[in-house]
Amino acid sequence: MNPYLPSALPVRNLDLARLLPKVGPANAALARYDGLLQSVVNPAVMLSPLTRREAVLSSKIEGTQATVDEVLEYEAGLDFDAEKTRDIQEIVNYRKTLMMAVEAVAQRPLSLNLLRQMHAVLIVGLSAGLGSLSRRQRCGCARAVRCGACAV
């Protein structure tokens, strides 16, 4: 398998005149958020609603049809029909995978082994027949490696 080779950094032709005025306000917002997290005993409490919402929104790309409220109800023990339960399970798995990955990359670099572990968490409790981790790198159009037709 050939690894993806990103473009060289730094990126050329950035419109710095347009970007620099946004750096100060963004830095100030991050500083306020960091200060808020410092005063919270368990910062994960602040992040939990954000990661749940992000998991719901990201899973919609894959075609899931569940809301944040339905995920909360499922986690509280409410029952749903099989199709809705599967969608919610995908979201719950996505969130668990995200949390596991954040903890893992803080201790070790991203690796194929870590990606396999993440994939295993993603498919827990979902129907059989889900694919295994691909051995071939694909571009954005799902053709063979570096097809040339995509910008990927």
C-alpha atoms as a PDB file:
ATOM      1  CA  MET A   1       0.000   0.000   0.000  1.00  0.00           C
ATOM      2  CA  ASN A   2       1.367   3.402  -0.944  1.00  0.00           C
ATOM      3  CA  PRO A   3       0.759   6.123   1.641  1.00  0.00           C
ATOM      4  CA  TYR A   4      -1.051   9.313   0.787  1.00  0.00           C
ATOM      5  CA  LEU A   5       1.441  12.130   0.182  1.00  0.00           C
ATOM      6  CA  PRO A   6       0.023  15.527   1.155  1.00  0.00           C
ATOM      7  CA  SER A   7       1.022  18.752  -0.530  1.00  0.00           C
ATOM      8  CA  ALA A   8       4.126  20.466   0.743  1.00  0.00           C
ATOM      9  CA  LEU A   9       3.835  22.908   3.630  1.00  0.00           C
ATOM     10  CA  PRO A  10       3.634  25.815   4.060  1.00  0.00           C
ATOM     11  CA  VAL A  11       0.685  26.402   1.743  1.00  0.00           C
ATOM     12  CA  ARG A  12       1.474  28.976  -0.903  1.00  0.00           C
ATOM     13  CA  ASN A  13      -0.702  31.842  -2.067  1.00  0.00           C
ATOM     14  CA  LEU A  14      -2.552  32.353   1.216  1.00  0.00           C
ATOM     15  CA  ASP A  15      -4.474  35.612   1.398  1.00  0.00           C
ATOM     16  CA  LEU A  16      -2.843  36.792   4.637  1.00  0.00           C
ATOM     17  CA  ALA A  17      -4.556  40.186   4.506  1.00  0.00           C
ATOM     18  CA  ARG A  18      -7.898  38.387   4.791  1.00  0.00           C
ATOM     19  CA  LEU A  19      -6.773  35.811   7.374  1.00  0.00           C
ATOM     20  CA  LEU A  20      -4.704  37.818   9.869  1.00  0.00           C
ATOM     21  CA  PRO A  21      -7.585  39.959  11.199  1.00  0.00           C
ATOM     22  CA  LYS A  22      -9.330  36.718  12.216  1.00  0.00           C
ATOM     23  CA  VAL A  23      -6.367  35.375  14.211  1.00  0.00           C
ATOM     24  CA  GLY A  24      -6.811  37.736  17.180  1.00  0.00           C
ATOM     25  CA  PRO A  25     -10.529  37.055  17.787  1.00  0.00           C
ATOM     26  CA  ALA A  26      -9.996  33.300  17.303  1.00  0.00           C
ATOM     27  CA  ASN A  27      -7.115  33.306  19.792  1.00  0.00           C
ATOM     28  CA  ALA A  28      -9.213  35.270  22.292  1.00  0.00           C
ATOM     29  CA  ALA A  29     -12.102  32.785  21.960  1.00  0.00           C
ATOM     30  CA  LEU A  30      -9.740  29.850  22.520  1.00  0.00           C
ATOM     31  CA  ALA A  31      -8.268  31.569  25.578  1.00  0.00           C
ATOM     32  CA  ARG A  32     -11.770  32.104  27.035  1.00  0.00           C
ATOM     33  CA  TYR A  33     -12.657  28.458  26.400  1.00  0.00           C
ATOM     34  CA  ASP A  34      -9.377  27.290  27.922  1.00  0.00           C
ATOM     35  CA  GLY A  35     -10.032  29.442  30.990  1.00  0.00           C
ATOM     36  CA  LEU A  36     -13.516  27.986  31.302  1.00  0.00           C
ATOM     37  CA  LEU A  37     -12.146  24.433  31.110  1.00  0.00           C
ATOM     38  CA  GLN A  38      -9.554  25.225  33.789  1.00  0.00           C
ATOM     39  CA  SER A  39     -12.340  26.084  36.234  1.00  0.00           C
ATOM     40  CA  VAL A  40     -14.288  22.880  35.584  1.00  0.00           C
ATOM     41  CA  VAL A  41     -13.382  19.864  37.691  1.00  0.00           C
ATOM     42  CA  ASN A  42     -14.082  17.447  34.816  1.00  0.00           C
ATOM     43  CA  PRO A  43     -13.604  19.136  31.405  1.00  0.00           C
ATOM     44  CA  ALA A  44     -15.068  16.078  29.661  1.00  0.00           C
ATOM     45  CA  VAL A  45     -18.456  17.191  31.016  1.00  0.00           C
ATOM     46  CA  MET A  46     -18.175  20.326  28.867  1.00  0.00           C
ATOM     47  CA  LEU A  47     -17.077  18.360  25.813  1.00  0.00           C
ATOM     48  CA  SER A  48     -19.668  15.578  26.063  1.00  0.00           C
ATOM     49  CA  PRO A  49     -22.576  17.467  24.427  1.00  0.00           C
ATOM     50  CA  LEU A  50     -20.251  18.711  21.697  1.00  0.00           C
ATOM     51  CA  THR A  51     -18.902  15.260  20.863  1.00  0.00           C
ATOM     52  CA  ARG A  52     -22.433  13.802  20.843  1.00  0.00           C
ATOM     53  CA  ARG A  53     -23.663  16.524  18.484  1.00  0.00           C
ATOM     54  CA  GLU A  54     -20.593  16.128  16.269  1.00  0.00           C
ATOM     55  CA  ALA A  55     -21.154  12.358  16.129  1.00  0.00           C
ATOM     56  CA  VAL A  56     -24.790  12.851  15.063  1.00  0.00           C
ATOM     57  CA  LEU A  57     -23.879  15.390  12.376  1.00  0.00           C
ATOM     58  CA  SER A  58     -20.943  13.368  11.039  1.00  0.00           C
ATOM     59  CA  SER A  59     -23.001  10.179  10.951  1.00  0.00           C
ATOM     60  CA  LYS A  60     -25.668  11.886   8.836  1.00  0.00           C
ATOM     61  CA  ILE A  61     -23.096  11.904   6.039  1.00  0.00           C
ATOM     62  CA  GLU A  62     -23.272   8.101   6.167  1.00  0.00           C
ATOM     63  CA  GLY A  63     -27.066   8.200   5.950  1.00  0.00           C
ATOM     64  CA  THR A  64     -28.083   7.765   9.591  1.00  0.00           C
ATOM     65  CA  GLN A  65     -31.456   9.176  10.563  1.00  0.00           C
ATOM     66  CA  ALA A  66     -31.237   9.984  14.272  1.00  0.00           C
ATOM     67  CA  THR A  67     -31.254  13.163  16.318  1.00  0.00           C
ATOM     68  CA  VAL A  68     -29.274  14.181  19.380  1.00  0.00           C
ATOM     69  CA  ASP A  69     -32.456  13.799  21.445  1.00  0.00           C
ATOM     70  CA  GLU A  70     -32.958  10.233  20.197  1.00  0.00           C
ATOM     71  CA  VAL A  71     -29.358   9.368  21.073  1.00  0.00           C
ATOM     72  CA  LEU A  72     -29.884  10.744  24.585  1.00  0.00           C
ATOM     73  CA  GLU A  73     -33.134   8.786  24.931  1.00  0.00           C
ATOM     74  CA  TYR A  74     -31.401   5.597  23.737  1.00  0.00           C
ATOM     75  CA  GLU A  75     -28.567   6.129  26.216  1.00  0.00           C
ATOM     76  CA  ALA A  76     -31.212   6.595  28.934  1.00  0.00           C
ATOM     77  CA  GLY A  77     -32.684   3.185  28.087  1.00  0.00           C
ATOM     78  CA  LEU A  78     -35.598   3.920  25.732  1.00  0.00           C
ATOM     79  CA  ASP A  79     -36.325   1.364  23.013  1.00  0.00           C
ATOM     80  CA  PHE A  80     -36.589   2.133  19.303  1.00  0.00           C
ATOM     81  CA  ASP A  81     -37.428   0.067  16.223  1.00  0.00           C
ATOM     82  CA  ALA A  82     -34.596  -1.967  14.697  1.00  0.00           C
ATOM     83  CA  GLU A  83     -33.676   0.529  11.963  1.00  0.00           C
ATOM     84  CA  LYS A  84     -33.574   3.500  14.333  1.00  0.00           C
ATOM     85  CA  THR A  85     -31.607   1.452  16.878  1.00  0.00           C
ATOM     86  CA  ARG A  86     -29.016   0.635  14.206  1.00  0.00           C
ATOM     87  CA  ASP A  87     -28.661   4.312  13.276  1.00  0.00           C
ATOM     88  CA  ILE A  88     -28.290   5.292  16.922  1.00  0.00           C
ATOM     89  CA  GLN A  89     -25.792   2.477  17.521  1.00  0.00           C
ATOM     90  CA  GLU A  90     -23.673   3.828  14.651  1.00  0.00           C
ATOM     91  CA  ILE A  91     -23.648   7.242  16.323  1.00  0.00           C
ATOM     92  CA  VAL A  92     -22.818   5.804  19.744  1.00  0.00           C
ATOM     93  CA  ASN A  93     -19.980   3.778  18.185  1.00  0.00           C
ATOM     94  CA  TYR A  94     -18.694   6.838  16.331  1.00  0.00           C
ATOM     95  CA  ARG A  95     -18.570   8.782  19.567  1.00  0.00           C
ATOM     96  CA  LYS A  96     -16.820   5.965  21.442  1.00  0.00           C
ATOM     97  CA  THR A  97     -14.303   5.706  18.610  1.00  0.00           C
ATOM     98  CA  LEU A  98     -13.677   9.442  18.694  1.00  0.00           C
ATOM     99  CA  MET A  99     -13.050   9.405  22.442  1.00  0.00           C
ATOM    100  CA  MET A 100     -10.815   6.326  22.183  1.00  0.00           C
ATOM    101  CA  ALA A 101      -8.799   7.906  19.363  1.00  0.00           C
ATOM    102  CA  VAL A 102      -8.275  11.173  21.247  1.00  0.00           C
ATOM    103  CA  GLU A 103      -6.911   9.262  24.243  1.00  0.00           C
ATOM    104  CA  ALA A 104      -4.784   6.972  22.063  1.00  0.00           C
ATOM    105  CA  VAL A 105      -3.067   9.667  19.977  1.00  0.00           C
ATOM    106  CA  ALA A 106      -2.131  11.491  23.164  1.00  0.00           C
ATOM    107  CA  GLN A 107      -0.007   8.465  24.083  1.00  0.00           C
ATOM    108  CA  ARG A 108       1.166   7.085  20.735  1.00  0.00           C
ATOM    109  CA  PRO A 109       1.280   8.073  17.071  1.00  0.00           C
ATOM    110  CA  LEU A 110      -1.474   7.276  14.611  1.00  0.00           C
ATOM    111  CA  SER A 111      -0.818   3.850  13.098  1.00  0.00           C
ATOM    112  CA  LEU A 112      -2.499   1.157  11.053  1.00  0.00           C
ATOM    113  CA  ASN A 113      -2.986  -0.823  14.261  1.00  0.00           C
ATOM    114  CA  LEU A 114      -4.806   2.113  15.871  1.00  0.00           C
ATOM    115  CA  LEU A 115      -6.988   2.508  12.763  1.00  0.00           C
ATOM    116  CA  ARG A 116      -7.906  -1.189  13.011  1.00  0.00           C
ATOM    117  CA  GLN A 117      -8.808  -0.757  16.681  1.00  0.00           C
ATOM    118  CA  MET A 118     -10.944   2.271  15.813  1.00  0.00           C
ATOM    119  CA  HIS A 119     -12.671   0.347  13.020  1.00  0.00           C
ATOM    120  CA  ALA A 120     -13.438  -2.505  15.423  1.00  0.00           C
ATOM    121  CA  VAL A 121     -15.156  -0.059  17.812  1.00  0.00           C
ATOM    122  CA  LEU A 122     -17.104   1.518  14.931  1.00  0.00           C
ATOM    123  CA  ILE A 123     -18.778  -1.750  13.951  1.00  0.00           C
ATOM    124  CA  VAL A 124     -19.631  -3.146  17.412  1.00  0.00           C
ATOM    125  CA  GLY A 125     -23.242  -4.297  17.527  1.00  0.00           C
ATOM    126  CA  LEU A 126     -23.959  -3.545  13.877  1.00  0.00           C
ATOM    127  CA  SER A 127     -25.092  -6.103  11.336  1.00  0.00           C
ATOM    128  CA  ALA A 128     -22.682  -8.601   9.876  1.00  0.00           C
ATOM    129  CA  GLY A 129     -21.282  -8.004   6.452  1.00  0.00           C
ATOM    130  CA  LEU A 130     -19.633  -4.719   7.260  1.00  0.00           C
ATOM    131  CA  GLY A 131     -16.381  -4.333   5.408  1.00  0.00           C
ATOM    132  CA  SER A 132     -12.964  -4.808   6.833  1.00  0.00           C
ATOM    133  CA  LEU A 133     -10.342  -2.124   6.773  1.00  0.00           C
ATOM    134  CA  SER A 134      -9.280  -1.603   3.162  1.00  0.00           C
ATOM    135  CA  ARG A 135      -5.820  -2.699   2.137  1.00  0.00           C
ATOM    136  CA  ARG A 136      -5.750  -0.340  -0.847  1.00  0.00           C
ATOM    137  CA  GLN A 137      -5.717   3.404  -0.579  1.00  0.00           C
ATOM    138  CA  ARG A 138      -8.450   5.035  -2.603  1.00  0.00           C
ATOM    139  CA  CYS A 139      -8.958   8.553  -3.829  1.00  0.00           C
ATOM    140  CA  GLY A 140     -12.150  10.568  -3.387  1.00  0.00           C
ATOM    141  CA  CYS A 141     -13.893   8.971  -6.377  1.00  0.00           C
ATOM    142  CA  ALA A 142     -13.240   5.404  -5.060  1.00  0.00           C
ATOM    143  CA  ARG A 143     -11.082   4.484  -8.032  1.00  0.00           C
ATOM    144  CA  ALA A 144      -7.622   3.009  -7.673  1.00  0.00           C
ATOM    145  CA  VAL A 145      -4.851   4.892  -5.918  1.00  0.00           C
ATOM    146  CA  ARG A 146      -4.220   8.339  -7.393  1.00  0.00           C
ATOM    147  CA  CYS A 147      -6.501   8.054 -10.368  1.00  0.00           C
ATOM    148  CA  GLY A 148      -5.672  11.572 -11.481  1.00  0.00           C
ATOM    149  CA  ALA A 149      -9.337  12.476 -11.923  1.00  0.00           C
ATOM    150  CA  CYS A 150      -9.702  13.763  -8.384  1.00  0.00           C
ATOM    151  CA  ALA A 151      -8.083  16.524  -6.435  1.00  0.00           C
ATOM    152  CA  VAL A 152      -7.396  14.017  -3.652  1.00  0.00           C
END
